[in-house]
Amino acid sequence: MNLLIIYAHPVPTSFNAAVLNTAQRALSHAGHAIRTTDLYAEDFQPVLSRAEREAYLCAGGPMIDDVAAHIDNLRWAEGLVFIFPTWYYGPPAILKGWFERVWLPGVTFEVATRRLGKTSSRISHIRRLVVVTTSGSPAWWLAVIGNPGKRFFLRGLRVLFNRKCQSTWLQLHEMNVIGNLQRERFLKKVESRLAGL
C-alpha cells in the first residue's frame, strides 16, 4: 500500500522522532511504499494570508500551486499515517495549518452547492488511517472532555475517506511523568500494530 506519513514535531531528538523512526521501519519491513513529510524540517508555512483566505473557495489558482508537492503526495497515497504530539487538545499549529493550506476545495473535497447539502469527497481512495500521538494529559481527563483531537481525525477527517477505511488510534498519555519503560512499551506497540497493517 502507498502510505504517506505526515510528521509534526520541531525537535529532532524528541520521543516523537523515535516514534517516526519506529513507524518507518515497521511499515518498510511490511512491504509498504512510504513517503514522509516532515513539516518542521521543511519549514512548512501554515498561516493563510488574507489573499489566500479570500481566494480559498476558488478552485485551482496559486494556492494549489504553492502546495503542489503535498497535493501530489495525497493523490498518490492509499493510506495516511499522522505522527505528532497533542498540544492543547489537538495537533500542533503547523499540522492544523497543513490541513488548511493543503486540503483545499477541489483537492480533498467539493463544497456543498446548497443549504444543508453534503460536502463531497475527492479523497475516497484513502483506505487506511493511522494516528500516533503523545500527550501530557491522562487518559481519564481526555475521556471526560471527549478527546477533541481524536474526534477531529477519526470523525471529522475520516468521513472524507473510503467508506471501508480502517482506522488505528495510538496515544501515549502522561508524557511528562512516565518513565523509559512506558515509552519503550509504546514504541513496541507502535511497531507491532504498524507491522500488521
Foldseek 3Di string as FASTA:
>chain_A
DEEEEEEEDQDCPDLLVVLVVLLVVLQVVLPYHYDYDYQNVVVPDLDDDPVCVVCQQPPDDDLCVVCVVVLVSLVPDQEYEYGAEQDPLAGPSSVVSCCVSRVGDVRAWPDAPDVVGDIAGPRQSHQEYEYEYEYQADPVVCVVVVSVHCCCVVPVVVVRYHPNRDYYYHYHYNPVPDDPVSSVVSSVVSSVVSSVD
